[in-house]
Amino acid sequence: MCTENGSLNGRPHHVPSPGTLLVDTSRQGRVGEFRGVAGPYWSLRPVCGGTEWEAEPEHVRPADAIERLRAENARCNARSRGEVL
């Protein structure tokens, strides 16, 4: 589910629901979970845990099926190694 939040280049953009997997194209296609809005930026968290980062909404797109599968697989592997997520 998405909600409208301001405009981007004169066009409205939609804010994804928390937990939605997104790809930050400005960071070599890094996949992260949407956490919320921080001013003009979106906060994303690495799927396997770690430090959140902020991305400009125009550089973020929804993860496709293979990207979601890879992210979920990485999360499962980290959990099986006993990493704290």
Protein backbone atom coordinates (compact mmCIF):
# COMPACT_ATOMS: atom_id res chain seq x y z
CA MET A 1 0.00 0.00 0.00
CA CYS A 2 1.26 3.44 -0.87
CA THR A 3 0.31 6.93 0.20
CA GLU A 4 0.87 10.17 -1.61
CA ASN A 5 3.61 12.36 -0.18
CA GLY A 6 4.44 15.60 -1.97
CA SER A 7 5.64 15.88 -5.52
CA LEU A 8 8.68 14.84 -7.44
CA ASN A 9 9.66 16.91 -10.47
CA GLY A 10 6.14 18.31 -10.51
CA ARG A 11 4.55 14.86 -10.35
CA PRO A 12 3.13 13.30 -7.18
CA HIS A 13 5.05 10.33 -5.79
CA HIS A 14 3.83 7.64 -3.47
CA VAL A 15 5.37 6.52 -0.22
CA PRO A 16 5.53 2.73 0.15
CA SER A 17 4.42 0.86 3.25
CA PRO A 18 7.10 0.12 5.87
CA GLY A 19 8.89 -3.14 5.10
CA THR A 20 8.52 -2.83 1.32
CA LEU A 21 11.68 -3.93 -0.48
CA LEU A 22 13.12 -1.17 -2.65
CA VAL A 23 16.20 -0.75 -4.84
CA ASP A 24 18.37 2.36 -4.48
CA THR A 25 19.70 2.93 -8.00
CA SER A 26 22.13 5.59 -6.76
CA ARG A 27 23.97 2.91 -4.72
CA GLN A 28 24.64 0.26 -7.36
CA GLY A 29 21.21 -1.32 -6.96
CA ARG A 30 21.38 -1.82 -3.20
CA VAL A 31 18.19 -3.42 -1.84
CA GLY A 32 16.68 -2.20 1.40
CA GLU A 33 13.47 -2.22 3.41
CA PHE A 34 11.54 1.02 3.45
CA ARG A 35 11.46 2.38 7.02
CA GLY A 36 9.92 5.83 6.65
CA VAL A 37 10.30 9.39 5.45
CA ALA A 38 13.04 11.65 6.80
CA GLY A 39 12.46 15.11 5.38
CA PRO A 40 12.86 14.90 1.59
CA TYR A 41 14.53 11.47 1.83
CA TRP A 42 13.34 7.91 2.32
CA SER A 43 15.02 5.81 5.01
CA LEU A 44 16.04 2.33 3.91
CA ARG A 45 17.50 -0.46 6.03
CA PRO A 46 19.68 -3.27 4.69
CA VAL A 47 17.76 -6.53 4.50
CA CYS A 48 20.35 -8.39 6.59
CA GLY A 49 20.59 -5.66 9.21
CA GLY A 50 22.98 -2.80 9.52
CA THR A 51 22.92 0.96 9.35
CA GLU A 52 19.98 2.64 7.68
CA TRP A 53 20.67 5.04 4.85
CA GLU A 54 18.70 7.83 3.24
CA ALA A 55 17.84 7.83 -0.44
CA GLU A 56 16.27 10.38 -2.70
CA PRO A 57 12.86 9.09 -3.83
CA GLU A 58 13.69 9.67 -7.51
CA HIS A 59 16.54 7.12 -7.19
CA VAL A 60 14.38 4.42 -5.59
CA ARG A 61 12.22 1.82 -7.32
CA PRO A 62 10.35 -1.28 -6.17
CA ALA A 63 12.41 -4.46 -6.12
CA ASP A 64 11.50 -6.93 -8.85
CA ALA A 65 10.81 -10.60 -8.15
CA ILE A 66 14.42 -11.81 -8.45
CA GLU A 67 15.72 -8.95 -6.27
CA ARG A 68 13.14 -9.76 -3.59
CA LEU A 69 14.08 -13.45 -3.73
CA ARG A 70 17.81 -12.68 -3.40
CA ALA A 71 17.16 -10.34 -0.46
CA GLU A 72 14.99 -12.87 1.36
CA ASN A 73 17.56 -15.61 0.71
CA ALA A 74 20.34 -13.41 2.10
CA ARG A 75 18.24 -12.71 5.19
CA CYS A 76 17.59 -16.43 5.76
CA ASN A 77 21.29 -17.24 5.32
CA ALA A 78 22.31 -14.53 7.81
CA ARG A 79 19.78 -15.81 10.33
CA SER A 80 21.03 -19.39 9.92
CA ARG A 81 24.56 -18.18 10.68
CA GLY A 82 23.26 -16.70 13.92
CA GLU A 83 23.65 -13.08 12.88
CA VAL A 84 21.49 -10.57 14.70
CA LEU A 85 19.20 -8.91 12.18
